[in-house]
Amino acid sequence: MREQEFEERFAMARDEKLIEMFNHEVGITAWGNARAEYLDAMRYEFLRRDFDSSLIITKNTLRLARKIKQVNGKIVFQSAEIQ
């Protein structure tokens, strides 16, 4: 049930908000069932959107190593400079 709620939340979010939520997850090492469902729903939403997110999508999960942004319809890594 939780995953459906996550899917609904992500579906309503603008692209910028979805990216912000992704970036919030970068660097978090905690793991659990709720987080797995959250990230799975987020992955699904990135796949559903009309932009290239292949940089962060793997077969079964998201790559959460670096923060991202959207440029010209494509997901790219944010620069290495401090923000």
PDB file of N, CA and C in Angstrom:
ATOM      1  N   MET A   1       0.815  -1.197   0.000  1.00  0.00           N
ATOM      2  CA  MET A   1       0.000   0.000   0.000  1.00  0.00           C
ATOM      3  C   MET A   1       0.860   1.263   0.000  1.00  0.00           C
ATOM      4  N   ARG A   2       1.938   1.228   0.768  1.00  0.00           N
ATOM      5  CA  ARG A   2       2.821   2.393   0.829  1.00  0.00           C
ATOM      6  C   ARG A   2       3.365   2.761  -0.541  1.00  0.00           C
ATOM      7  N   GLU A   3       3.756   1.750  -1.316  1.00  0.00           N
ATOM      8  CA  GLU A   3       4.336   2.035  -2.627  1.00  0.00           C
ATOM      9  C   GLU A   3       3.335   2.763  -3.521  1.00  0.00           C
ATOM     10  N   GLN A   4       2.083   2.405  -3.440  1.00  0.00           N
ATOM     11  CA  GLN A   4       1.056   3.099  -4.231  1.00  0.00           C
ATOM     12  C   GLN A   4       0.967   4.562  -3.814  1.00  0.00           C
ATOM     13  N   GLU A   5       1.056   4.839  -2.527  1.00  0.00           N
ATOM     14  CA  GLU A   5       1.032   6.218  -2.052  1.00  0.00           C
ATOM     15  C   GLU A   5       2.242   6.988  -2.569  1.00  0.00           C
ATOM     16  N   PHE A   6       3.398   6.344  -2.562  1.00  0.00           N
ATOM     17  CA  PHE A   6       4.604   6.976  -3.098  1.00  0.00           C
ATOM     18  C   PHE A   6       4.424   7.269  -4.585  1.00  0.00           C
ATOM     19  N   GLU A   7       3.896   6.297  -5.319  1.00  0.00           N
ATOM     20  CA  GLU A   7       3.684   6.481  -6.758  1.00  0.00           C
ATOM     21  C   GLU A   7       2.764   7.670  -7.020  1.00  0.00           C
ATOM     22  N   GLU A   8       1.712   7.801  -6.229  1.00  0.00           N
ATOM     23  CA  GLU A   8       0.782   8.918  -6.407  1.00  0.00           C
ATOM     24  C   GLU A   8       1.474  10.251  -6.102  1.00  0.00           C
ATOM     25  N   ARG A   9       2.282  10.281  -5.058  1.00  0.00           N
ATOM     26  CA  ARG A   9       3.006  11.511  -4.697  1.00  0.00           C
ATOM     27  C   ARG A   9       3.969  11.911  -5.809  1.00  0.00           C
ATOM     28  N   PHE A  10       4.714  10.938  -6.339  1.00  0.00           N
ATOM     29  CA  PHE A  10       5.674  11.245  -7.402  1.00  0.00           C
ATOM     30  C   PHE A  10       4.963  11.658  -8.683  1.00  0.00           C
ATOM     31  N   ALA A  11       3.842  11.037  -8.996  1.00  0.00           N
ATOM     32  CA  ALA A  11       3.101  11.361 -10.219  1.00  0.00           C
ATOM     33  C   ALA A  11       2.605  12.811 -10.195  1.00  0.00           C
ATOM     34  N   MET A  12       2.301  13.325  -9.018  1.00  0.00           N
ATOM     35  CA  MET A  12       1.794  14.690  -8.890  1.00  0.00           C
ATOM     36  C   MET A  12       2.924  15.724  -8.860  1.00  0.00           C
ATOM     37  N   ALA A  13       4.143  15.285  -8.619  1.00  0.00           N
ATOM     38  CA  ALA A  13       5.269  16.213  -8.473  1.00  0.00           C
ATOM     39  C   ALA A  13       5.738  16.728  -9.836  1.00  0.00           C
ATOM     40  N   ARG A  14       6.112  17.991  -9.875  1.00  0.00           N
ATOM     41  CA  ARG A  14       6.731  18.548 -11.078  1.00  0.00           C
ATOM     42  C   ARG A  14       8.123  17.936 -11.226  1.00  0.00           C
ATOM     43  N   ASP A  15       8.689  18.033 -12.416  1.00  0.00           N
ATOM     44  CA  ASP A  15      10.022  17.475 -12.668  1.00  0.00           C
ATOM     45  C   ASP A  15      11.039  17.975 -11.650  1.00  0.00           C
ATOM     46  N   GLU A  16      11.011  19.265 -11.371  1.00  0.00           N
ATOM     47  CA  GLU A  16      11.983  19.858 -10.450  1.00  0.00           C
ATOM     48  C   GLU A  16      11.859  19.258  -9.051  1.00  0.00           C
ATOM     49  N   LYS A  17      10.636  19.018  -8.613  1.00  0.00           N
ATOM     50  CA  LYS A  17      10.404  18.437  -7.288  1.00  0.00           C
ATOM     51  C   LYS A  17      10.870  16.989  -7.250  1.00  0.00           C
ATOM     52  N   LEU A  18      10.615  16.225  -8.314  1.00  0.00           N
ATOM     53  CA  LEU A  18      11.070  14.839  -8.379  1.00  0.00           C
ATOM     54  C   LEU A  18      12.593  14.783  -8.284  1.00  0.00           C
ATOM     55  N   ILE A  19      13.267  15.667  -8.994  1.00  0.00           N
ATOM     56  CA  ILE A  19      14.725  15.724  -8.948  1.00  0.00           C
ATOM     57  C   ILE A  19      15.203  16.138  -7.561  1.00  0.00           C
ATOM     58  N   GLU A  20      14.510  17.074  -6.949  1.00  0.00           N
ATOM     59  CA  GLU A  20      14.848  17.487  -5.586  1.00  0.00           C
ATOM     60  C   GLU A  20      14.721  16.304  -4.613  1.00  0.00           C
ATOM     61  N   MET A  21      13.660  15.519  -4.755  1.00  0.00           N
ATOM     62  CA  MET A  21      13.467  14.354  -3.887  1.00  0.00           C
ATOM     63  C   MET A  21      14.564  13.308  -4.128  1.00  0.00           C
ATOM     64  N   PHE A  22      14.949  13.121  -5.394  1.00  0.00           N
ATOM     65  CA  PHE A  22      16.058  12.212  -5.699  1.00  0.00           C
ATOM     66  C   PHE A  22      17.331  12.700  -5.013  1.00  0.00           C
ATOM     67  N   ASN A  23      17.644  13.972  -5.192  1.00  0.00           N
ATOM     68  CA  ASN A  23      18.877  14.533  -4.630  1.00  0.00           C
ATOM     69  C   ASN A  23      18.917  14.426  -3.113  1.00  0.00           C
ATOM     70  N   HIS A  24      17.764  14.474  -2.483  1.00  0.00           N
ATOM     71  CA  HIS A  24      17.706  14.304  -1.031  1.00  0.00           C
ATOM     72  C   HIS A  24      18.169  12.902  -0.620  1.00  0.00           C
ATOM     73  N   GLU A  25      17.984  11.926  -1.473  1.00  0.00           N
ATOM     74  CA  GLU A  25      18.350  10.535  -1.163  1.00  0.00           C
ATOM     75  C   GLU A  25      19.836  10.243  -1.368  1.00  0.00           C
ATOM     76  N   VAL A  26      20.525  11.081  -2.126  1.00  0.00           N
ATOM     77  CA  VAL A  26      21.948  10.861  -2.409  1.00  0.00           C
ATOM     78  C   VAL A  26      22.738  10.925  -1.104  1.00  0.00           C
ATOM     79  N   GLY A  27      23.558   9.919  -0.882  1.00  0.00           N
ATOM     80  CA  GLY A  27      24.418   9.881   0.293  1.00  0.00           C
ATOM     81  C   GLY A  27      23.798   9.213   1.507  1.00  0.00           C
ATOM     82  N   ILE A  28      22.531   8.904   1.476  1.00  0.00           N
ATOM     83  CA  ILE A  28      21.889   8.227   2.601  1.00  0.00           C
ATOM     84  C   ILE A  28      22.203   6.736   2.511  1.00  0.00           C
ATOM     85  N   THR A  29      22.747   6.189   3.577  1.00  0.00           N
ATOM     86  CA  THR A  29      23.140   4.774   3.570  1.00  0.00           C
ATOM     87  C   THR A  29      22.142   3.885   4.306  1.00  0.00           C
ATOM     88  N   ALA A  30      21.193   4.468   5.016  1.00  0.00           N
ATOM     89  CA  ALA A  30      20.186   3.680   5.731  1.00  0.00           C
ATOM     90  C   ALA A  30      19.345   2.892   4.726  1.00  0.00           C
ATOM     91  N   TRP A  31      18.862   1.750   5.154  1.00  0.00           N
ATOM     92  CA  TRP A  31      18.059   0.932   4.267  1.00  0.00           C
ATOM     93  C   TRP A  31      16.946   0.273   5.059  1.00  0.00           C
ATOM     94  N   GLY A  32      15.849   0.036   4.412  1.00  0.00           N
ATOM     95  CA  GLY A  32      14.710  -0.652   5.016  1.00  0.00           C
ATOM     96  C   GLY A  32      13.640  -0.856   3.969  1.00  0.00           C
ATOM     97  N   ASN A  33      12.585  -1.545   4.345  1.00  0.00           N
ATOM     98  CA  ASN A  33      11.517  -1.845   3.391  1.00  0.00           C
ATOM     99  C   ASN A  33      10.834  -0.593   2.870  1.00  0.00           C
ATOM    100  N   ALA A  34      10.565   0.351   3.754  1.00  0.00           N
ATOM    101  CA  ALA A  34       9.883   1.577   3.317  1.00  0.00           C
ATOM    102  C   ALA A  34      10.744   2.349   2.324  1.00  0.00           C
ATOM    103  N   ARG A  35      12.039   2.444   2.594  1.00  0.00           N
ATOM    104  CA  ARG A  35      12.921   3.162   1.670  1.00  0.00           C
ATOM    105  C   ARG A  35      13.013   2.434   0.340  1.00  0.00           C
ATOM    106  N   ALA A  36      13.058   1.116   0.366  1.00  0.00           N
ATOM    107  CA  ALA A  36      13.097   0.338  -0.873  1.00  0.00           C
ATOM    108  C   ALA A  36      11.848   0.594  -1.710  1.00  0.00           C
ATOM    109  N   GLU A  37      10.687   0.642  -1.066  1.00  0.00           N
ATOM    110  CA  GLU A  37       9.441   0.915  -1.779  1.00  0.00           C
ATOM    111  C   GLU A  37       9.431   2.345  -2.327  1.00  0.00           C
ATOM    112  N   TYR A  38       9.928   3.268  -1.532  1.00  0.00           N
ATOM    113  CA  TYR A  38      10.009   4.671  -1.936  1.00  0.00           C
ATOM    114  C   TYR A  38      10.881   4.817  -3.182  1.00  0.00           C
ATOM    115  N   LEU A  39      12.061   4.216  -3.147  1.00  0.00           N
ATOM    116  CA  LEU A  39      12.985   4.333  -4.281  1.00  0.00           C
ATOM    117  C   LEU A  39      12.479   3.590  -5.506  1.00  0.00           C
ATOM    118  N   ASP A  40      11.789   2.481  -5.299  1.00  0.00           N
ATOM    119  CA  ASP A  40      11.225   1.750  -6.426  1.00  0.00           C
ATOM    120  C   ASP A  40      10.147   2.586  -7.111  1.00  0.00           C
ATOM    121  N   ALA A  41       9.311   3.242  -6.305  1.00  0.00           N
ATOM    122  CA  ALA A  41       8.278   4.111  -6.876  1.00  0.00           C
ATOM    123  C   ALA A  41       8.906   5.304  -7.584  1.00  0.00           C
ATOM    124  N   MET A  42       9.989   5.841  -7.018  1.00  0.00           N
ATOM    125  CA  MET A  42      10.690   6.954  -7.649  1.00  0.00           C
ATOM    126  C   MET A  42      11.291   6.516  -8.984  1.00  0.00           C
ATOM    127  N   ARG A  43      11.891   5.357  -9.012  1.00  0.00           N
ATOM    128  CA  ARG A  43      12.468   4.818 -10.254  1.00  0.00           C
ATOM    129  C   ARG A  43      11.388   4.694 -11.330  1.00  0.00           C
ATOM    130  N   TYR A  44      10.245   4.152 -10.951  1.00  0.00           N
ATOM    131  CA  TYR A  44       9.135   4.008 -11.880  1.00  0.00           C
ATOM    132  C   TYR A  44       8.727   5.369 -12.452  1.00  0.00           C
ATOM    133  N   GLU A  45       8.684   6.371 -11.592  1.00  0.00           N
ATOM    134  CA  GLU A  45       8.268   7.703 -12.050  1.00  0.00           C
ATOM    135  C   GLU A  45       9.284   8.311 -13.006  1.00  0.00           C
ATOM    136  N   PHE A  46      10.573   8.114 -12.721  1.00  0.00           N
ATOM    137  CA  PHE A  46      11.591   8.601 -13.660  1.00  0.00           C
ATOM    138  C   PHE A  46      11.428   7.920 -15.020  1.00  0.00           C
ATOM    139  N   LEU A  47      11.129   6.635 -15.023  1.00  0.00           N
ATOM    140  CA  LEU A  47      10.926   5.920 -16.281  1.00  0.00           C
ATOM    141  C   LEU A  47       9.680   6.418 -17.010  1.00  0.00           C
ATOM    142  N   ARG A  48       8.668   6.798 -16.267  1.00  0.00           N
ATOM    143  CA  ARG A  48       7.403   7.258 -16.843  1.00  0.00           C
ATOM    144  C   ARG A  48       7.518   8.634 -17.472  1.00  0.00           C
ATOM    145  N   ARG A  49       8.428   9.461 -16.955  1.00  0.00           N
ATOM    146  CA  ARG A  49       8.557  10.843 -17.442  1.00  0.00           C
ATOM    147  C   ARG A  49       9.155  10.879 -18.847  1.00  0.00           C
ATOM    148  N   ASP A  50       8.901  11.998 -19.505  1.00  0.00           N
ATOM    149  CA  ASP A  50       9.347  12.162 -20.883  1.00  0.00           C
ATOM    150  C   ASP A  50      10.702  12.863 -20.940  1.00  0.00           C
ATOM    151  N   PHE A  51      11.695  12.298 -20.225  1.00  0.00           N
ATOM    152  CA  PHE A  51      13.068  12.767 -20.346  1.00  0.00           C
ATOM    153  C   PHE A  51      14.013  11.593 -20.132  1.00  0.00           C
ATOM    154  N   ASP A  52      15.226  11.759 -20.585  1.00  0.00           N
ATOM    155  CA  ASP A  52      16.221  10.687 -20.539  1.00  0.00           C
ATOM    156  C   ASP A  52      16.827  10.595 -19.146  1.00  0.00           C
ATOM    157  N   SER A  53      16.500   9.540 -18.439  1.00  0.00           N
ATOM    158  CA  SER A  53      17.042   9.328 -17.096  1.00  0.00           C
ATOM    159  C   SER A  53      17.951   8.103 -17.050  1.00  0.00           C
ATOM    160  N   SER A  54      18.465   7.698 -18.197  1.00  0.00           N
ATOM    161  CA  SER A  54      19.293   6.484 -18.271  1.00  0.00           C
ATOM    162  C   SER A  54      20.564   6.572 -17.430  1.00  0.00           C
ATOM    163  N   LEU A  55      21.014   7.764 -17.111  1.00  0.00           N
ATOM    164  CA  LEU A  55      22.210   7.948 -16.296  1.00  0.00           C
ATOM    165  C   LEU A  55      22.013   7.412 -14.878  1.00  0.00           C
ATOM    166  N   ILE A  56      20.790   7.437 -14.373  1.00  0.00           N
ATOM    167  CA  ILE A  56      20.548   7.030 -12.986  1.00  0.00           C
ATOM    168  C   ILE A  56      19.729   5.756 -12.846  1.00  0.00           C
ATOM    169  N   ILE A  57      19.214   5.236 -13.938  1.00  0.00           N
ATOM    170  CA  ILE A  57      18.362   4.049 -13.888  1.00  0.00           C
ATOM    171  C   ILE A  57      19.179   2.800 -14.175  1.00  0.00           C
ATOM    172  N   THR A  58      19.057   1.819 -13.282  1.00  0.00           N
ATOM    173  CA  THR A  58      19.640   0.505 -13.549  1.00  0.00           C
ATOM    174  C   THR A  58      18.470  -0.460 -13.753  1.00  0.00           C
ATOM    175  N   LYS A  59      18.790  -1.693 -13.977  1.00  0.00           N
ATOM    176  CA  LYS A  59      17.743  -2.678 -14.223  1.00  0.00           C
ATOM    177  C   LYS A  59      16.721  -2.727 -13.086  1.00  0.00           C
ATOM    178  N   ASN A  60      17.200  -2.656 -11.852  1.00  0.00           N
ATOM    179  CA  ASN A  60      16.302  -2.836 -10.713  1.00  0.00           C
ATOM    180  C   ASN A  60      16.260  -1.684  -9.718  1.00  0.00           C
ATOM    181  N   THR A  61      17.066  -0.667  -9.905  1.00  0.00           N
ATOM    182  CA  THR A  61      17.134   0.378  -8.892  1.00  0.00           C
ATOM    183  C   THR A  61      17.601   1.707  -9.490  1.00  0.00           C
ATOM    184  N   LEU A  62      17.876   2.653  -8.614  1.00  0.00           N
ATOM    185  CA  LEU A  62      18.416   3.957  -8.996  1.00  0.00           C
ATOM    186  C   LEU A  62      19.865   4.054  -8.561  1.00  0.00           C
ATOM    187  N   ARG A  63      20.661   4.766  -9.310  1.00  0.00           N
ATOM    188  CA  ARG A  63      22.040   5.076  -8.906  1.00  0.00           C
ATOM    189  C   ARG A  63      21.991   6.352  -8.082  1.00  0.00           C
ATOM    190  N   LEU A  64      22.316   6.234  -6.820  1.00  0.00           N
ATOM    191  CA  LEU A  64      22.213   7.361  -5.892  1.00  0.00           C
ATOM    192  C   LEU A  64      23.571   7.901  -5.484  1.00  0.00           C
ATOM    193  N   ALA A  65      24.562   7.796  -6.366  1.00  0.00           N
ATOM    194  CA  ALA A  65      25.927   8.204  -6.027  1.00  0.00           C
ATOM    195  C   ALA A  65      26.127   9.717  -6.091  1.00  0.00           C
ATOM    196  N   ARG A  66      25.412  10.389  -6.987  1.00  0.00           N
ATOM    197  CA  ARG A  66      25.619  11.828  -7.190  1.00  0.00           C
ATOM    198  C   ARG A  66      24.301  12.531  -7.415  1.00  0.00           C
ATOM    199  N   LYS A  67      24.273  13.805  -7.075  1.00  0.00           N
ATOM    200  CA  LYS A  67      23.093  14.619  -7.306  1.00  0.00           C
ATOM    201  C   LYS A  67      22.952  14.912  -8.799  1.00  0.00           C
ATOM    202  N   ILE A  68      21.731  15.159  -9.200  1.00  0.00           N
ATOM    203  CA  ILE A  68      21.414  15.343 -10.616  1.00  0.00           C
ATOM    204  C   ILE A  68      20.681  16.649 -10.857  1.00  0.00           C
ATOM    205  N   LYS A  69      20.547  16.969 -12.137  1.00  0.00           N
ATOM    206  CA  LYS A  69      19.692  18.055 -12.598  1.00  0.00           C
ATOM    207  C   LYS A  69      19.213  17.669 -13.988  1.00  0.00           C
ATOM    208  N   GLN A  70      18.245  18.406 -14.497  1.00  0.00           N
ATOM    209  CA  GLN A  70      17.722  18.150 -15.837  1.00  0.00           C
ATOM    210  C   GLN A  70      18.190  19.261 -16.762  1.00  0.00           C
ATOM    211  N   VAL A  71      18.765  18.868 -17.897  1.00  0.00           N
ATOM    212  CA  VAL A  71      19.230  19.822 -18.901  1.00  0.00           C
ATOM    213  C   VAL A  71      18.735  19.350 -20.268  1.00  0.00           C
ATOM    214  N   ASN A  72      17.928  20.182 -20.901  1.00  0.00           N
ATOM    215  CA  ASN A  72      17.420  19.874 -22.245  1.00  0.00           C
ATOM    216  C   ASN A  72      16.792  18.481 -22.338  1.00  0.00           C
ATOM    217  N   GLY A  73      15.973  18.141 -21.358  1.00  0.00           N
ATOM    218  CA  GLY A  73      15.262  16.870 -21.401  1.00  0.00           C
ATOM    219  C   GLY A  73      16.088  15.662 -21.042  1.00  0.00           C
ATOM    220  N   LYS A  74      17.233  15.884 -20.424  1.00  0.00           N
ATOM    221  CA  LYS A  74      18.105  14.765 -20.059  1.00  0.00           C
ATOM    222  C   LYS A  74      18.611  14.959 -18.635  1.00  0.00           C
ATOM    223  N   ILE A  75      18.686  13.869 -17.897  1.00  0.00           N
ATOM    224  CA  ILE A  75      19.247  13.902 -16.550  1.00  0.00           C
ATOM    225  C   ILE A  75      20.764  13.862 -16.666  1.00  0.00           C
ATOM    226  N   VAL A  76      21.403  14.815 -15.994  1.00  0.00           N
ATOM    227  CA  VAL A  76      22.873  14.882 -15.959  1.00  0.00           C
ATOM    228  C   VAL A  76      23.294  15.078 -14.501  1.00  0.00           C
ATOM    229  N   PHE A  77      24.552  14.775 -14.203  1.00  0.00           N
ATOM    230  CA  PHE A  77      25.057  15.003 -12.864  1.00  0.00           C
ATOM    231  C   PHE A  77      25.282  16.492 -12.643  1.00  0.00           C
ATOM    232  N   GLN A  78      24.994  16.931 -11.423  1.00  0.00           N
ATOM    233  CA  GLN A  78      25.331  18.306 -11.067  1.00  0.00           C
ATOM    234  C   GLN A  78      26.843  18.432 -11.062  1.00  0.00           C
ATOM    235  N   SER A  79      27.334  19.649 -11.213  1.00  0.00           N
ATOM    236  CA  SER A  79      28.778  19.866 -11.206  1.00  0.00           C
ATOM    237  C   SER A  79      29.344  19.502  -9.842  1.00  0.00           C
ATOM    238  N   ALA A  80      30.620  19.311  -9.807  1.00  0.00           N
ATOM    239  CA  ALA A  80      31.289  18.916  -8.562  1.00  0.00           C
ATOM    240  C   ALA A  80      31.483  20.087  -7.615  1.00  0.00           C
ATOM    241  N   GLU A  81      31.175  21.299  -8.069  1.00  0.00           N
ATOM    242  CA  GLU A  81      31.387  22.454  -7.204  1.00  0.00           C
ATOM    243  C   GLU A  81      30.429  22.423  -6.017  1.00  0.00           C
ATOM    244  N   ILE A  82      30.838  23.035  -4.923  1.00  0.00           N
ATOM    245  CA  ILE A  82      30.033  23.072  -3.716  1.00  0.00           C
ATOM    246  C   ILE A  82      28.804  23.936  -3.943  1.00  0.00           C
ATOM    247  N   GLN A  83      27.664  23.475  -3.430  1.00  0.00           N
ATOM    248  CA  GLN A  83      26.404  24.179  -3.658  1.00  0.00           C
ATOM    249  C   GLN A  83      25.891  24.797  -2.406  1.00  0.00           C
TER     250      GLN A  83
END
